Amino acid sequence: MSRTSIPVDSSTKDLLDDLKRDDETWDEFLTRIAADEEPIEAGAWSTDEAERAKERVRKSRENWDDR
């Protein structure tokens, strides 16, 4: 496997550092963020998003029961 260097500004590197997980290499990090699909992580929704989703499920169940 060949290696390469990608020059970035220090401000860009700081932004990337904040996104990179402590337990992953830079190669793993770049592969993760470049992937087409991102896995759903537990707790990925904010409280408001989770509440809206629960409300939609509740309404959907009510509509199904009304049929």
PDB file of N, CA and C in Angstrom:
ATOM      1  N   MET A   1       0.851  -1.172   0.000  1.00  0.00           N
ATOM      2  CA  MET A   1       0.000   0.000   0.000  1.00  0.00           C
ATOM      3  C   MET A   1       0.898   1.237   0.000  1.00  0.00           C
ATOM      4  N   SER A   2       0.593   2.175  -0.863  1.00  0.00           N
ATOM      5  CA  SER A   2       1.381   3.397  -0.911  1.00  0.00           C
ATOM      6  C   SER A   2       0.829   4.424   0.070  1.00  0.00           C
ATOM      7  N   ARG A   3       1.653   5.349   0.426  1.00  0.00           N
ATOM      8  CA  ARG A   3       1.274   6.426   1.349  1.00  0.00           C
ATOM      9  C   ARG A   3       1.379   7.746   0.633  1.00  0.00           C
ATOM     10  N   THR A   4       0.600   8.721   1.092  1.00  0.00           N
ATOM     11  CA  THR A   4       0.647  10.056   0.523  1.00  0.00           C
ATOM     12  C   THR A   4       0.424  11.081   1.627  1.00  0.00           C
ATOM     13  N   SER A   5       0.797  12.285   1.359  1.00  0.00           N
ATOM     14  CA  SER A   5       0.551  13.391   2.287  1.00  0.00           C
ATOM     15  C   SER A   5      -0.436  14.349   1.644  1.00  0.00           C
ATOM     16  N   ILE A   6      -1.317  14.898   2.455  1.00  0.00           N
ATOM     17  CA  ILE A   6      -2.297  15.858   1.962  1.00  0.00           C
ATOM     18  C   ILE A   6      -2.119  17.144   2.770  1.00  0.00           C
ATOM     19  N   PRO A   7      -1.569  18.179   2.167  1.00  0.00           N
ATOM     20  CA  PRO A   7      -1.366  19.422   2.907  1.00  0.00           C
ATOM     21  C   PRO A   7      -2.698  20.131   3.175  1.00  0.00           C
ATOM     22  N   VAL A   8      -2.921  20.538   4.412  1.00  0.00           N
ATOM     23  CA  VAL A   8      -4.104  21.317   4.787  1.00  0.00           C
ATOM     24  C   VAL A   8      -3.674  22.440   5.715  1.00  0.00           C
ATOM     25  N   ASP A   9      -4.448  23.499   5.722  1.00  0.00           N
ATOM     26  CA  ASP A   9      -4.181  24.604   6.648  1.00  0.00           C
ATOM     27  C   ASP A   9      -4.368  24.120   8.081  1.00  0.00           C
ATOM     28  N   SER A  10      -3.714  24.781   9.002  1.00  0.00           N
ATOM     29  CA  SER A  10      -3.836  24.381  10.407  1.00  0.00           C
ATOM     30  C   SER A  10      -5.266  24.526  10.907  1.00  0.00           C
ATOM     31  N   SER A  11      -6.020  25.495  10.401  1.00  0.00           N
ATOM     32  CA  SER A  11      -7.419  25.651  10.827  1.00  0.00           C
ATOM     33  C   SER A  11      -8.260  24.466  10.341  1.00  0.00           C
ATOM     34  N   THR A  12      -7.962  23.974   9.144  1.00  0.00           N
ATOM     35  CA  THR A  12      -8.664  22.798   8.627  1.00  0.00           C
ATOM     36  C   THR A  12      -8.308  21.575   9.454  1.00  0.00           C
ATOM     37  N   LYS A  13      -7.039  21.435   9.791  1.00  0.00           N
ATOM     38  CA  LYS A  13      -6.589  20.313  10.619  1.00  0.00           C
ATOM     39  C   LYS A  13      -7.287  20.347  11.972  1.00  0.00           C
ATOM     40  N   ASP A  14      -7.455  21.515  12.560  1.00  0.00           N
ATOM     41  CA  ASP A  14      -8.158  21.640  13.842  1.00  0.00           C
ATOM     42  C   ASP A  14      -9.609  21.176  13.721  1.00  0.00           C
ATOM     43  N   LEU A  15     -10.275  21.551  12.624  1.00  0.00           N
ATOM     44  CA  LEU A  15     -11.657  21.112  12.410  1.00  0.00           C
ATOM     45  C   LEU A  15     -11.727  19.592  12.275  1.00  0.00           C
ATOM     46  N   LEU A  16     -10.782  19.016  11.531  1.00  0.00           N
ATOM     47  CA  LEU A  16     -10.757  17.571  11.355  1.00  0.00           C
ATOM     48  C   LEU A  16     -10.448  16.855  12.659  1.00  0.00           C
ATOM     49  N   ASP A  17      -9.545  17.417  13.450  1.00  0.00           N
ATOM     50  CA  ASP A  17      -9.223  16.834  14.759  1.00  0.00           C
ATOM     51  C   ASP A  17     -10.469  16.697  15.627  1.00  0.00           C
ATOM     52  N   ASP A  18     -11.362  17.682  15.545  1.00  0.00           N
ATOM     53  CA  ASP A  18     -12.590  17.646  16.340  1.00  0.00           C
ATOM     54  C   ASP A  18     -13.542  16.549  15.881  1.00  0.00           C
ATOM     55  N   LEU A  19     -13.489  16.175  14.600  1.00  0.00           N
ATOM     56  CA  LEU A  19     -14.375  15.153  14.057  1.00  0.00           C
ATOM     57  C   LEU A  19     -13.818  13.742  14.201  1.00  0.00           C
ATOM     58  N   LYS A  20     -12.502  13.637  14.283  1.00  0.00           N
ATOM     59  CA  LYS A  20     -11.838  12.338  14.348  1.00  0.00           C
ATOM     60  C   LYS A  20     -12.016  11.717  15.727  1.00  0.00           C
ATOM     61  N   ARG A  21     -12.348  10.439  15.734  1.00  0.00           N
ATOM     62  CA  ARG A  21     -12.496   9.717  17.000  1.00  0.00           C
ATOM     63  C   ARG A  21     -11.128   9.374  17.563  1.00  0.00           C
ATOM     64  N   ASP A  22     -11.030   9.322  18.885  1.00  0.00           N
ATOM     65  CA  ASP A  22      -9.748   9.040  19.532  1.00  0.00           C
ATOM     66  C   ASP A  22      -9.196   7.668  19.175  1.00  0.00           C
ATOM     67  N   ASP A  23     -10.097   6.720  18.914  1.00  0.00           N
ATOM     68  CA  ASP A  23      -9.655   5.342  18.690  1.00  0.00           C
ATOM     69  C   ASP A  23      -9.463   4.986  17.221  1.00  0.00           C
ATOM     70  N   GLU A  24      -9.445   5.972  16.312  1.00  0.00           N
ATOM     71  CA  GLU A  24      -9.269   5.649  14.906  1.00  0.00           C
ATOM     72  C   GLU A  24      -8.034   6.343  14.339  1.00  0.00           C
ATOM     73  N   THR A  25      -7.458   5.699  13.343  1.00  0.00           N
ATOM     74  CA  THR A  25      -6.317   6.292  12.647  1.00  0.00           C
ATOM     75  C   THR A  25      -6.831   7.363  11.697  1.00  0.00           C
ATOM     76  N   TRP A  26      -5.927   8.170  11.159  1.00  0.00           N
ATOM     77  CA  TRP A  26      -6.343   9.174  10.182  1.00  0.00           C
ATOM     78  C   TRP A  26      -6.908   8.506   8.944  1.00  0.00           C
ATOM     79  N   ASP A  27      -6.348   7.376   8.540  1.00  0.00           N
ATOM     80  CA  ASP A  27      -6.870   6.667   7.378  1.00  0.00           C
ATOM     81  C   ASP A  27      -8.286   6.160   7.642  1.00  0.00           C
ATOM     82  N   GLU A  28      -8.528   5.602   8.820  1.00  0.00           N
ATOM     83  CA  GLU A  28      -9.874   5.141   9.181  1.00  0.00           C
ATOM     84  C   GLU A  28     -10.859   6.304   9.211  1.00  0.00           C
ATOM     85  N   PHE A  29     -10.420   7.424   9.761  1.00  0.00           N
ATOM     86  CA  PHE A  29     -11.268   8.615   9.834  1.00  0.00           C
ATOM     87  C   PHE A  29     -11.657   9.096   8.435  1.00  0.00           C
ATOM     88  N   LEU A  30     -10.676   9.240   7.549  1.00  0.00           N
ATOM     89  CA  LEU A  30     -10.956   9.732   6.208  1.00  0.00           C
ATOM     90  C   LEU A  30     -11.831   8.759   5.428  1.00  0.00           C
ATOM     91  N   THR A  31     -11.627   7.469   5.632  1.00  0.00           N
ATOM     92  CA  THR A  31     -12.480   6.472   4.989  1.00  0.00           C
ATOM     93  C   THR A  31     -13.906   6.606   5.500  1.00  0.00           C
ATOM     94  N   ARG A  32     -14.065   6.811   6.811  1.00  0.00           N
ATOM     95  CA  ARG A  32     -15.403   6.939   7.399  1.00  0.00           C
ATOM     96  C   ARG A  32     -16.139   8.155   6.849  1.00  0.00           C
ATOM     97  N   ILE A  33     -15.472   9.292   6.798  1.00  0.00           N
ATOM     98  CA  ILE A  33     -16.186  10.497   6.364  1.00  0.00           C
ATOM     99  C   ILE A  33     -16.385  10.530   4.851  1.00  0.00           C
ATOM    100  N   ALA A  34     -15.613   9.737   4.114  1.00  0.00           N
ATOM    101  CA  ALA A  34     -15.760   9.693   2.664  1.00  0.00           C
ATOM    102  C   ALA A  34     -16.769   8.640   2.217  1.00  0.00           C
ATOM    103  N   ALA A  35     -17.221   7.791   3.139  1.00  0.00           N
ATOM    104  CA  ALA A  35     -18.153   6.723   2.791  1.00  0.00           C
ATOM    105  C   ALA A  35     -19.489   7.307   2.342  1.00  0.00           C
ATOM    106  N   ASP A  36     -20.155   6.596   1.420  1.00  0.00           N
ATOM    107  CA  ASP A  36     -21.463   7.034   0.924  1.00  0.00           C
ATOM    108  C   ASP A  36     -22.527   6.989   1.998  1.00  0.00           C
ATOM    109  N   GLU A  37     -22.485   5.962   2.831  1.00  0.00           N
ATOM    110  CA  GLU A  37     -23.491   5.796   3.870  1.00  0.00           C
ATOM    111  C   GLU A  37     -22.834   5.894   5.238  1.00  0.00           C
ATOM    112  N   GLU A  38     -23.523   6.558   6.117  1.00  0.00           N
ATOM    113  CA  GLU A  38     -23.040   6.672   7.483  1.00  0.00           C
ATOM    114  C   GLU A  38     -23.942   5.828   8.371  1.00  0.00           C
ATOM    115  N   PRO A  39     -23.369   4.956   9.185  1.00  0.00           N
ATOM    116  CA  PRO A  39     -24.221   4.125  10.040  1.00  0.00           C
ATOM    117  C   PRO A  39     -24.974   4.978  11.054  1.00  0.00           C
ATOM    118  N   ILE A  40     -26.160   4.529  11.395  1.00  0.00           N
ATOM    119  CA  ILE A  40     -26.942   5.219  12.414  1.00  0.00           C
ATOM    120  C   ILE A  40     -26.357   4.864  13.773  1.00  0.00           C
ATOM    121  N   GLU A  41     -26.076   5.875  14.552  1.00  0.00           N
ATOM    122  CA  GLU A  41     -25.516   5.658  15.874  1.00  0.00           C
ATOM    123  C   GLU A  41     -26.588   5.930  16.924  1.00  0.00           C
ATOM    124  N   ALA A  42     -26.563   5.146  17.969  1.00  0.00           N
ATOM    125  CA  ALA A  42     -27.511   5.372  19.064  1.00  0.00           C
ATOM    126  C   ALA A  42     -27.303   6.777  19.602  1.00  0.00           C
ATOM    127  N   GLY A  43     -28.399   7.458  19.830  1.00  0.00           N
ATOM    128  CA  GLY A  43     -28.301   8.814  20.360  1.00  0.00           C
ATOM    129  C   GLY A  43     -27.986   9.849  19.302  1.00  0.00           C
ATOM    130  N   ALA A  44     -28.117   9.478  18.025  1.00  0.00           N
ATOM    131  CA  ALA A  44     -27.773  10.409  16.959  1.00  0.00           C
ATOM    132  C   ALA A  44     -28.792  11.535  16.828  1.00  0.00           C
ATOM    133  N   TRP A  45     -30.024  11.317  17.288  1.00  0.00           N
ATOM    134  CA  TRP A  45     -31.046  12.350  17.211  1.00  0.00           C
ATOM    135  C   TRP A  45     -30.990  13.245  18.437  1.00  0.00           C
ATOM    136  N   SER A  46     -31.329  14.500  18.231  1.00  0.00           N
ATOM    137  CA  SER A  46     -31.498  15.399  19.370  1.00  0.00           C
ATOM    138  C   SER A  46     -32.796  15.005  20.074  1.00  0.00           C
ATOM    139  N   THR A  47     -33.011  15.528  21.249  1.00  0.00           N
ATOM    140  CA  THR A  47     -34.237  15.245  21.988  1.00  0.00           C
ATOM    141  C   THR A  47     -35.460  15.669  21.185  1.00  0.00           C
ATOM    142  N   ASP A  48     -35.388  16.846  20.555  1.00  0.00           N
ATOM    143  CA  ASP A  48     -36.515  17.336  19.751  1.00  0.00           C
ATOM    144  C   ASP A  48     -36.793  16.418  18.558  1.00  0.00           C
ATOM    145  N   GLU A  49     -35.731  15.972  17.871  1.00  0.00           N
ATOM    146  CA  GLU A  49     -35.913  15.076  16.727  1.00  0.00           C
ATOM    147  C   GLU A  49     -36.527  13.752  17.173  1.00  0.00           C
ATOM    148  N   ALA A  50     -36.073  13.228  18.290  1.00  0.00           N
ATOM    149  CA  ALA A  50     -36.611  11.964  18.799  1.00  0.00           C
ATOM    150  C   ALA A  50     -38.079  12.122  19.171  1.00  0.00           C
ATOM    151  N   GLU A  51     -38.446  13.231  19.786  1.00  0.00           N
ATOM    152  CA  GLU A  51     -39.838  13.470  20.155  1.00  0.00           C
ATOM    153  C   GLU A  51     -40.726  13.579  18.920  1.00  0.00           C
ATOM    154  N   ARG A  52     -40.248  14.273  17.884  1.00  0.00           N
ATOM    155  CA  ARG A  52     -41.024  14.383  16.647  1.00  0.00           C
ATOM    156  C   ARG A  52     -41.208  13.013  16.001  1.00  0.00           C
ATOM    157  N   ALA A  53     -40.166  12.203  16.015  1.00  0.00           N
ATOM    158  CA  ALA A  53     -40.264  10.855  15.438  1.00  0.00           C
ATOM    159  C   ALA A  53     -41.262  10.013  16.218  1.00  0.00           C
ATOM    160  N   LYS A  54     -41.202  10.071  17.548  1.00  0.00           N
ATOM    161  CA  LYS A  54     -42.154   9.303  18.361  1.00  0.00           C
ATOM    162  C   LYS A  54     -43.587   9.760  18.096  1.00  0.00           C
ATOM    163  N   GLU A  55     -43.780  11.055  17.921  1.00  0.00           N
ATOM    164  CA  GLU A  55     -45.114  11.587  17.639  1.00  0.00           C
ATOM    165  C   GLU A  55     -45.616  11.082  16.291  1.00  0.00           C
ATOM    166  N   ARG A  56     -44.750  11.050  15.292  1.00  0.00           N
ATOM    167  CA  ARG A  56     -45.157  10.537  13.971  1.00  0.00           C
ATOM    168  C   ARG A  56     -45.524   9.062  14.051  1.00  0.00           C
ATOM    169  N   VAL A  57     -44.788   8.292  14.814  1.00  0.00           N
ATOM    170  CA  VAL A  57     -45.107   6.863  14.980  1.00  0.00           C
ATOM    171  C   VAL A  57     -46.461   6.717  15.676  1.00  0.00           C
ATOM    172  N   ARG A  58     -46.679   7.508  16.725  1.00  0.00           N
ATOM    173  CA  ARG A  58     -47.944   7.444  17.446  1.00  0.00           C
ATOM    174  C   ARG A  58     -49.116   7.769  16.521  1.00  0.00           C
ATOM    175  N   LYS A  59     -48.988   8.840  15.729  1.00  0.00           N
ATOM    176  CA  LYS A  59     -50.060   9.226  14.805  1.00  0.00           C
ATOM    177  C   LYS A  59     -50.272   8.157  13.745  1.00  0.00           C
ATOM    178  N   SER A  60     -49.194   7.573  13.274  1.00  0.00           N
ATOM    179  CA  SER A  60     -49.303   6.513  12.274  1.00  0.00           C
ATOM    180  C   SER A  60     -50.079   5.325  12.835  1.00  0.00           C
ATOM    181  N   ARG A  61     -49.808   4.971  14.085  1.00  0.00           N
ATOM    182  CA  ARG A  61     -50.529   3.857  14.709  1.00  0.00           C
ATOM    183  C   ARG A  61     -51.995   4.187  14.899  1.00  0.00           C
ATOM    184  N   GLU A  62     -52.296   5.442  15.265  1.00  0.00           N
ATOM    185  CA  GLU A  62     -53.687   5.855  15.406  1.00  0.00           C
ATOM    186  C   GLU A  62     -54.405   5.776  14.073  1.00  0.00           C
ATOM    187  N   ASN A  63     -53.776   6.238  13.012  1.00  0.00           N
ATOM    188  CA  ASN A  63     -54.392   6.170  11.683  1.00  0.00           C
ATOM    189  C   ASN A  63     -54.623   4.727  11.261  1.00  0.00           C
ATOM    190  N   TRP A  64     -53.719   3.843  11.587  1.00  0.00           N
ATOM    191  CA  TRP A  64     -53.879   2.419  11.247  1.00  0.00           C
ATOM    192  C   TRP A  64     -55.063   1.825  12.019  1.00  0.00           C
ATOM    193  N   ASP A  65     -55.183   2.190  13.292  1.00  0.00           N
ATOM    194  CA  ASP A  65     -56.295   1.670  14.104  1.00  0.00           C
ATOM    195  C   ASP A  65     -57.649   2.188  13.639  1.00  0.00           C
ATOM    196  N   ASP A  66     -57.675   3.386  13.046  1.00  0.00           N
ATOM    197  CA  ASP A  66     -58.924   3.993  12.592  1.00  0.00           C
ATOM    198  C   ASP A  66     -59.438   3.384  11.293  1.00  0.00           C
ATOM    199  N   ARG A  67     -58.655   2.579  10.635  1.00  0.00           N
ATOM    200  CA  ARG A  67     -59.058   2.000   9.337  1.00  0.00           C
ATOM    201  C   ARG A  67     -60.174   1.032   9.444  1.00  0.00           C
TER     202      ARG A  67
END
